[in-house]
């Protein structure tokens, strides 16, 4: 698969010219150049490198957590190290050491701009890397400086490499400050090796040595195209469509299993509901049969209500209370009120199986609780105003 690698500085696409490298299916360089997008060679895939200061590599204490919680923890952990608002940045964890993690931070809007521009050109990127991560690390006890035309990346000075704007000719002020601090802490490096790209300005090693008080040497030329790949920055909201599709293909077996489990659950639930409906219908049919047997000359409208009415009539005919008589209803109200029954009522009215209760000022404050207790005892309760309840016996279906 052919691959086009783009080296994008902070001035692209305002300055449309950028360095590029084309690699063949074998991974070897086929051609290199610097041109506008219309002159880029055709390739099956595209990736880009964020040059220089467009990314910073920070270290923070970051306990392991779920993806959602991790994003919040990163913003909180790095807030004091960021110049811009934490929510405006895109975070990529590169590696961990216990609770400590190194995180690449890039401007979310800058990534959006580059990705959108490349997609508009028909060069949708598959990967993106930060130059600060993929430049070679300096040997222990040394500093290494990788210089492009206007910026440089230094390794060995801090826990992670970082980029800064390069002064033409003179030793960078930032390096002079770092050397002064290292001298005070008695940890000056053995030397500083400078690797310059073809477009970088020449340096005067002797002048640099005088400014830094450490040996300065020129090393092999710096070629951005020769550096290794790092952690892909295009994840989360920037994940390419092809990568999403590949993720879905990998997850398809799991999704099939989850879908099958959901279907089985739906079938079981549907079967249970149908079985319960059948049981309810069977109960109603038996109720109608019993009613016809007990009261053969009565038309069937509501078997449960009719049977209760007939049963209450028979009870009253034999000197017994019906379950909707005032005394029976008052007994259930008293049981529901319990210890609160004393002085709970200011008045009551009974008519046709309906008992209306007027609560006292003390009991009216807990009218909702009283209503719930009455309902729990099988009574139908309707609240009328702030202190009145209408109660009647519930008919079981």
Protein backbone atom coordinates (compact mmCIF):
# COMPACT_ATOMS: atom_id res chain seq x y z
CA UNK A 1 0.00 0.00 0.00
CA UNK A 2 1.41 3.37 -1.01
CA UNK A 3 1.57 6.03 1.73
CA UNK A 4 1.88 9.81 1.48
CA UNK A 5 3.40 11.39 4.60
CA UNK A 6 2.98 15.15 5.05
CA UNK A 7 5.08 17.42 7.25
CA UNK A 8 2.68 20.20 8.27
CA UNK A 9 4.01 23.33 9.96
CA UNK A 10 1.86 25.81 11.86
CA UNK A 11 1.61 27.92 8.66
CA UNK A 12 -0.24 25.24 6.64
CA UNK A 13 -2.68 25.59 4.82
CA UNK A 14 -2.23 29.39 4.73
CA UNK A 15 1.12 28.57 3.14
CA UNK A 16 0.01 25.58 1.02
CA UNK A 17 3.52 24.27 0.33
CA UNK A 18 4.65 21.46 2.60
CA UNK A 19 7.31 18.75 2.62
CA UNK A 20 6.11 15.26 1.75
CA UNK A 21 7.40 11.73 1.35
CA UNK A 22 5.88 8.92 -0.70
CA UNK A 23 6.58 5.34 0.37
CA UNK A 24 5.85 2.24 -1.69
CA UNK A 25 4.16 -1.03 -0.68
CA UNK A 26 7.49 -2.24 0.70
CA UNK A 27 7.71 0.75 3.06
CA UNK A 28 10.71 2.24 1.27
CA UNK A 29 10.88 5.85 0.13
CA UNK A 30 9.75 6.20 -3.48
CA UNK A 31 10.06 9.99 -3.75
CA UNK A 32 10.28 13.15 -1.65
CA UNK A 33 9.44 16.75 -2.35
CA UNK A 34 7.87 20.02 -1.25
CA UNK A 35 4.84 21.35 -3.10
CA UNK A 36 1.25 22.52 -3.01
CA UNK A 37 -1.50 19.89 -2.65
CA UNK A 38 -2.24 19.82 -6.39
CA UNK A 39 1.27 18.48 -7.01
CA UNK A 40 1.23 15.82 -4.30
CA UNK A 41 1.66 12.31 -5.72
CA UNK A 42 -1.23 9.83 -5.69
CA UNK A 43 -1.27 7.43 -2.73
CA UNK A 44 -3.64 4.91 -1.16
CA UNK A 45 -3.22 6.34 2.32
CA UNK A 46 -2.28 9.68 3.86
CA UNK A 47 -0.84 10.58 7.23
CA UNK A 48 0.61 13.80 8.59
CA UNK A 49 3.09 14.98 11.18
CA UNK A 50 2.33 18.00 13.35
CA UNK A 51 5.60 19.90 13.26
CA UNK A 52 7.21 21.72 16.16
CA UNK A 53 5.16 23.61 18.73
CA UNK A 54 1.76 22.38 17.51
CA UNK A 55 1.89 19.68 20.20
CA UNK A 56 3.31 19.52 23.71
CA UNK A 57 4.22 16.38 25.61
CA UNK A 58 3.38 16.62 29.30
CA UNK A 59 3.67 14.36 32.33
CA UNK A 60 0.99 14.12 35.01
CA UNK A 61 -0.24 11.87 37.78
CA UNK A 62 -3.17 10.03 36.22
CA UNK A 63 -4.83 7.04 37.95
CA UNK A 64 -6.40 4.46 35.68
CA UNK A 65 -10.12 4.93 35.10
CA UNK A 66 -12.89 4.34 32.58
CA UNK A 67 -12.69 6.22 29.27
CA UNK A 68 -15.28 8.82 30.30
CA UNK A 69 -13.71 9.41 33.72
CA UNK A 70 -10.21 9.38 32.24
CA UNK A 71 -10.98 12.35 29.97
CA UNK A 72 -12.13 14.35 33.00
CA UNK A 73 -9.06 13.31 35.02
CA UNK A 74 -6.69 14.38 32.22
CA UNK A 75 -8.23 17.85 32.06
CA UNK A 76 -7.97 18.23 35.83
CA UNK A 77 -4.43 16.82 36.07
CA UNK A 78 -3.01 19.04 33.30
CA UNK A 79 -4.99 22.21 33.96
CA UNK A 80 -2.10 23.99 35.71
CA UNK A 81 0.30 23.16 32.87
CA UNK A 82 -1.91 24.46 30.04
CA UNK A 83 -2.10 27.98 28.63
CA UNK A 84 -5.39 27.42 26.81
CA UNK A 85 -8.71 26.18 28.24
CA UNK A 86 -8.53 22.41 28.98
CA UNK A 87 -11.73 21.74 27.00
CA UNK A 88 -10.19 23.27 23.88
CA UNK A 89 -7.42 20.65 23.77
CA UNK A 90 -7.19 17.10 22.43
CA UNK A 91 -5.39 14.57 24.67
CA UNK A 92 -3.51 11.41 23.71
CA UNK A 93 -1.93 9.18 26.36
CA UNK A 94 1.34 7.79 25.02
CA UNK A 95 2.56 5.64 27.90
CA UNK A 96 2.14 4.97 31.61
CA UNK A 97 4.34 4.20 34.58
CA UNK A 98 2.05 3.30 37.46
CA UNK A 99 -0.11 6.33 38.20
CA UNK A 100 2.14 8.57 36.11
CA UNK A 101 1.33 9.10 32.43
CA UNK A 102 2.71 11.07 29.52
CA UNK A 103 0.13 12.88 27.44
CA UNK A 104 0.37 14.60 24.05
CA UNK A 105 -1.72 17.77 23.98
CA UNK A 106 -2.83 19.40 20.73
CA UNK A 107 -5.34 22.14 19.93
CA UNK A 108 -8.65 20.52 19.02
CA UNK A 109 -9.53 23.30 16.56
CA UNK A 110 -6.16 22.95 14.79
CA UNK A 111 -6.71 19.22 14.30
CA UNK A 112 -10.23 19.87 13.01
CA UNK A 113 -8.87 22.40 10.52
CA UNK A 114 -6.20 20.04 9.16
CA UNK A 115 -8.46 16.99 8.96
CA UNK A 116 -11.25 18.97 7.26
CA UNK A 117 -8.82 20.50 4.76
CA UNK A 118 -7.27 17.15 3.85
CA UNK A 119 -10.70 15.54 3.49
CA UNK A 120 -11.74 18.37 1.17
CA UNK A 121 -8.64 17.61 -0.92
CA UNK A 122 -9.60 13.93 -1.13
CA UNK A 123 -6.69 13.01 1.16
CA UNK A 124 -8.56 11.91 4.30
CA UNK A 125 -5.81 11.13 6.86
CA UNK A 126 -5.54 7.69 8.40
CA UNK A 127 -3.01 8.70 11.06
CA UNK A 128 -1.40 11.77 12.60
CA UNK A 129 1.73 12.05 14.75
CA UNK A 130 3.40 14.75 16.84
CA UNK A 131 6.98 15.56 15.91
CA UNK A 132 7.90 16.06 19.59
CA UNK A 133 7.16 12.38 20.22
CA UNK A 134 8.74 10.76 17.19
CA UNK A 135 12.13 12.51 17.19
CA UNK A 136 14.94 10.30 18.59
CA UNK A 137 15.66 10.57 22.32
CA UNK A 138 19.02 11.96 23.38
CA UNK A 139 21.52 9.53 24.92
CA UNK A 140 21.64 9.71 28.72
CA UNK A 141 23.76 12.63 29.90
CA UNK A 142 23.47 14.50 26.60
CA UNK A 143 21.23 17.03 24.92
CA UNK A 144 20.03 16.61 21.36
CA UNK A 145 18.64 19.44 19.26
CA UNK A 146 16.65 18.81 16.04
CA UNK A 147 16.39 22.01 14.03
CA UNK A 148 14.04 22.86 11.18
CA UNK A 149 13.88 26.24 9.47
CA UNK A 150 12.11 28.18 12.23
CA UNK A 151 11.69 25.78 15.15
CA UNK A 152 13.64 23.17 17.04
CA UNK A 153 12.93 20.18 19.28
CA UNK A 154 15.22 19.48 22.21
CA UNK A 155 15.55 16.15 23.98
CA UNK A 156 17.32 15.47 27.26
CA UNK A 157 16.64 18.82 28.91
CA UNK A 158 13.23 17.93 30.40
CA UNK A 159 11.43 14.63 31.11
CA UNK A 160 9.86 14.85 27.64
CA UNK A 161 11.11 16.53 24.43
CA UNK A 162 9.62 19.93 23.67
CA UNK A 163 9.63 22.39 20.78
CA UNK A 164 10.42 26.10 20.69
CA UNK A 165 10.98 28.89 18.19
CA UNK A 166 14.55 29.05 16.94
CA UNK A 167 16.67 32.21 16.97
CA UNK A 168 18.71 32.64 13.84
CA UNK A 169 22.39 31.92 14.44
CA UNK A 170 22.70 32.51 18.22
CA UNK A 171 22.21 29.87 20.88
CA UNK A 172 18.52 29.81 21.87
CA UNK A 173 17.74 31.78 25.04
CA UNK A 174 15.73 28.85 26.33
CA UNK A 175 18.78 26.57 26.11
CA UNK A 176 20.91 29.17 27.86
CA UNK A 177 18.40 29.29 30.73
CA UNK A 178 18.31 25.48 30.90
CA UNK A 179 22.11 25.29 30.92
CA UNK A 180 22.31 27.88 33.71
CA UNK A 181 19.84 25.93 35.83
CA UNK A 182 21.63 22.62 35.13
CA UNK A 183 24.92 24.24 36.19
CA UNK A 184 23.42 25.33 39.52
CA UNK A 185 22.12 21.80 40.08
CA UNK A 186 25.43 20.23 39.00
CA UNK A 187 23.87 18.21 36.20
CA UNK A 188 25.32 19.77 33.05
CA UNK A 189 25.22 17.39 30.06
CA UNK A 190 28.43 16.03 28.58
CA UNK A 191 27.59 17.73 25.26
CA UNK A 192 24.83 19.13 23.09
CA UNK A 193 24.50 17.58 19.63
CA UNK A 194 22.74 19.70 16.99
CA UNK A 195 21.01 18.01 14.05
CA UNK A 196 19.97 20.46 11.35
CA UNK A 197 17.50 19.94 8.54
CA UNK A 198 18.53 21.05 5.06
CA UNK A 199 16.36 24.18 5.40
CA UNK A 200 17.71 25.15 8.85
CA UNK A 201 20.10 28.03 9.38
CA UNK A 202 23.75 27.22 10.02
CA UNK A 203 25.13 27.55 13.56
CA UNK A 204 28.44 28.58 15.09
CA UNK A 205 29.33 25.75 17.52
CA UNK A 206 32.05 27.85 19.23
CA UNK A 207 29.59 30.71 19.88
CA UNK A 208 27.07 28.24 21.26
CA UNK A 209 29.69 26.65 23.51
CA UNK A 210 30.56 30.07 24.93
CA UNK A 211 26.88 30.79 25.64
CA UNK A 212 26.01 27.39 27.08
CA UNK A 213 29.33 26.45 28.72
CA UNK A 214 29.02 22.91 27.36
CA UNK A 215 30.57 21.25 24.28
CA UNK A 216 28.42 21.73 21.17
CA UNK A 217 28.76 19.46 18.15
CA UNK A 218 26.96 19.11 14.86
CA UNK A 219 25.53 15.66 14.28
CA UNK A 220 24.04 13.99 11.22
CA UNK A 221 21.43 16.01 9.34
CA UNK A 222 17.88 15.89 10.67
CA UNK A 223 15.34 14.31 8.34
CA UNK A 224 11.76 14.31 9.57
CA UNK A 225 10.93 11.52 7.14
CA UNK A 226 13.48 9.21 8.76
CA UNK A 227 11.88 9.26 12.21
CA UNK A 228 9.73 6.39 13.46
CA UNK A 229 5.98 6.48 13.90
CA UNK A 230 4.44 7.21 17.29
CA UNK A 231 0.98 7.18 18.87
CA UNK A 232 -1.81 8.05 16.47
CA UNK A 233 -3.48 11.36 17.41
CA UNK A 234 -6.60 10.58 15.38
CA UNK A 235 -8.81 8.92 17.96
CA UNK A 236 -12.12 9.77 19.59
CA UNK A 237 -13.89 12.45 17.57
CA UNK A 238 -11.05 12.39 15.00
CA UNK A 239 -11.12 8.64 14.32
CA UNK A 240 -11.24 8.09 10.54
CA UNK A 241 -14.36 6.49 9.07
CA UNK A 242 -12.35 3.49 7.86
CA UNK A 243 -11.00 2.93 11.36
CA UNK A 244 -14.53 3.09 12.76
CA UNK A 245 -15.65 0.54 10.17
CA UNK A 246 -12.73 -1.74 11.08
CA UNK A 247 -13.65 -1.44 14.76
CA UNK A 248 -17.22 -2.42 13.94
CA UNK A 249 -16.00 -5.44 11.97
CA UNK A 250 -13.91 -6.57 14.94
CA UNK A 251 -16.82 -5.99 17.31
CA UNK A 252 -19.38 -7.69 15.07
CA UNK A 253 -19.18 -11.15 16.78
CA UNK A 254 -19.72 -9.54 20.18
CA UNK A 255 -22.58 -7.42 18.82
CA UNK A 256 -24.21 -10.56 17.37
CA UNK A 257 -24.03 -12.27 20.77
CA UNK A 258 -25.47 -9.20 22.54
CA UNK A 259 -28.22 -8.90 19.90
CA UNK A 260 -29.09 -12.59 20.24
CA UNK A 261 -29.28 -12.26 24.03
CA UNK A 262 -31.61 -9.26 23.68
CA UNK A 263 -33.83 -11.17 21.22
CA UNK A 264 -34.05 -14.16 23.58
CA UNK A 265 -34.93 -11.84 26.46
CA UNK A 266 -37.65 -10.17 24.36
CA UNK A 267 -39.08 -13.54 23.35
CA UNK A 268 -39.12 -14.74 26.95
CA UNK A 269 -40.73 -11.51 28.13
CA UNK A 270 -43.35 -11.65 25.37
CA UNK A 271 -44.10 -15.29 26.20
CA UNK A 272 -44.44 -14.45 29.88
CA UNK A 273 -46.85 -11.57 29.13
CA UNK A 274 -48.96 -13.81 26.84
CA UNK A 275 -49.03 -16.55 29.49
CA UNK A 276 -50.14 -14.05 32.16
CA UNK A 277 -52.87 -12.74 29.86
CA UNK A 278 -54.06 -16.29 29.27
CA UNK A 279 -54.10 -16.89 33.04
CA UNK A 280 -56.08 -13.68 33.59
CA UNK A 281 -58.60 -14.64 30.88
CA UNK A 282 -58.94 -18.10 32.41
CA UNK A 283 -59.60 -16.56 35.83
CA UNK A 284 -62.26 -14.25 34.39
CA UNK A 285 -63.91 -17.17 32.58
CA UNK A 286 -64.01 -19.19 35.82
CA UNK A 287 -65.44 -16.16 37.61
CA UNK A 288 -68.24 -15.88 35.05
CA UNK A 289 -68.94 -19.63 35.36
CA UNK A 290 -69.17 -19.39 39.14
CA UNK A 291 -71.44 -16.31 38.87
CA UNK A 292 -73.77 -18.08 36.40
CA UNK A 293 -73.95 -21.08 38.71
CA UNK A 294 -74.64 -19.00 41.82
CA UNK A 295 -76.99 -16.48 40.19
CA UNK A 296 -78.44 -18.13 37.09
CA UNK A 297 -81.08 -15.48 36.41
CA UNK A 298 -78.74 -12.45 36.53
CA UNK A 299 -77.28 -10.90 33.36
CA UNK A 300 -73.48 -10.73 33.42
CA UNK A 301 -72.02 -7.21 33.19
CA UNK A 302 -69.20 -7.09 35.76
CA UNK A 303 -68.93 -10.50 37.45
CA UNK A 304 -66.66 -9.37 40.27
CA UNK A 305 -68.77 -6.33 41.20
CA UNK A 306 -72.03 -8.19 40.75
CA UNK A 307 -70.86 -11.13 42.84
CA UNK A 308 -69.67 -8.83 45.62
CA UNK A 309 -72.97 -6.94 45.54
CA UNK A 310 -74.95 -10.19 45.69
CA UNK A 311 -72.74 -11.52 48.47
CA UNK A 312 -73.14 -8.32 50.50
CA UNK A 313 -76.91 -8.56 49.98
CA UNK A 314 -76.92 -12.12 51.31
CA UNK A 315 -74.81 -11.10 54.31
CA UNK A 316 -77.16 -8.25 55.18
CA UNK A 317 -80.17 -10.57 54.79
CA UNK A 318 -78.60 -12.81 57.46
CA UNK A 319 -77.69 -9.95 59.81
CA UNK A 320 -74.01 -9.67 58.80
CA UNK A 321 -72.02 -6.64 57.63
CA UNK A 322 -71.17 -6.19 53.96
CA UNK A 323 -67.57 -5.27 53.16
CA UNK A 324 -68.72 -1.81 51.97
CA UNK A 325 -70.89 -1.03 55.01
CA UNK A 326 -69.92 2.01 57.04
CA UNK A 327 -68.71 -0.02 60.04
CA UNK A 328 -66.54 -2.28 57.84
CA UNK A 329 -65.04 0.72 56.07
CA UNK A 330 -64.43 2.56 59.38
CA UNK A 331 -62.68 -0.54 60.76
CA UNK A 332 -60.26 -0.55 57.84
CA UNK A 333 -59.73 3.22 58.17
CA UNK A 334 -58.94 2.78 61.86
CA UNK A 335 -56.46 -0.02 61.12
CA UNK A 336 -54.77 2.13 58.46
CA UNK A 337 -54.49 5.18 60.77
CA UNK A 338 -53.22 3.12 63.68
CA UNK A 339 -51.80 5.35 66.43
CA UNK A 340 -52.73 8.46 64.43
CA UNK A 341 -56.47 7.65 64.60
CA UNK A 342 -57.06 9.67 67.80
CA UNK A 343 -58.46 13.12 66.95
CA UNK A 344 -57.69 12.49 63.26
CA UNK A 345 -61.23 13.15 61.98
CA UNK A 346 -63.37 16.27 62.16
CA UNK A 347 -66.28 14.64 60.35
CA UNK A 348 -67.45 11.76 58.15
CA UNK A 349 -70.30 11.00 55.74
CA UNK A 350 -71.44 7.66 54.34
CA UNK A 351 -73.71 7.05 51.38
CA UNK A 352 -74.06 4.13 48.96
CA UNK A 353 -70.82 2.36 49.89
CA UNK A 354 -68.85 5.64 49.82
CA UNK A 355 -67.28 7.00 52.99
CA UNK A 356 -66.17 10.65 53.01
CA UNK A 357 -63.62 11.61 55.68
CA UNK A 358 -62.88 15.16 56.82
CA UNK A 359 -59.43 15.19 58.44
CA UNK A 360 -58.46 17.37 61.37
CA UNK A 361 -55.85 20.11 60.88
CA UNK A 362 -53.21 17.85 62.49
CA UNK A 363 -53.95 14.87 60.25
CA UNK A 364 -54.38 16.97 57.08
CA UNK A 365 -50.64 17.64 57.09
CA UNK A 366 -50.01 13.96 56.32
CA UNK A 367 -52.95 13.42 53.97
CA UNK A 368 -50.74 11.85 51.27
CA UNK A 369 -49.35 9.29 53.73
CA UNK A 370 -52.85 8.45 55.01
CA UNK A 371 -54.09 8.02 51.43
CA UNK A 372 -51.26 5.59 50.67
CA UNK A 373 -51.99 3.53 53.80
CA UNK A 374 -55.67 3.28 52.92
CA UNK A 375 -54.84 2.24 49.33
CA UNK A 376 -52.51 -0.47 50.66
CA UNK A 377 -55.53 -2.00 52.47
CA UNK A 378 -57.47 -2.48 49.26
CA UNK A 379 -59.52 0.73 49.37
CA UNK A 380 -60.12 3.12 46.52
CA UNK A 381 -59.16 6.61 47.73
CA UNK A 382 -59.85 9.97 46.08
CA UNK A 383 -58.50 13.17 47.59
CA UNK A 384 -60.91 16.10 47.63
CA UNK A 385 -59.22 19.31 48.67
CA UNK A 386 -56.57 19.65 51.36
CA UNK A 387 -58.37 17.76 54.13
CA UNK A 388 -61.01 15.44 52.60
CA UNK A 389 -60.80 11.87 51.38
CA UNK A 390 -63.45 9.74 49.67
CA UNK A 391 -63.06 6.01 50.41
CA UNK A 392 -64.81 2.97 48.94
CA UNK A 393 -64.11 -0.75 48.74
CA UNK A 394 -61.98 -1.82 45.74
CA UNK A 395 -63.44 -4.48 43.46
CA UNK A 396 -60.88 -7.25 42.69
CA UNK A 397 -60.69 -8.11 38.99
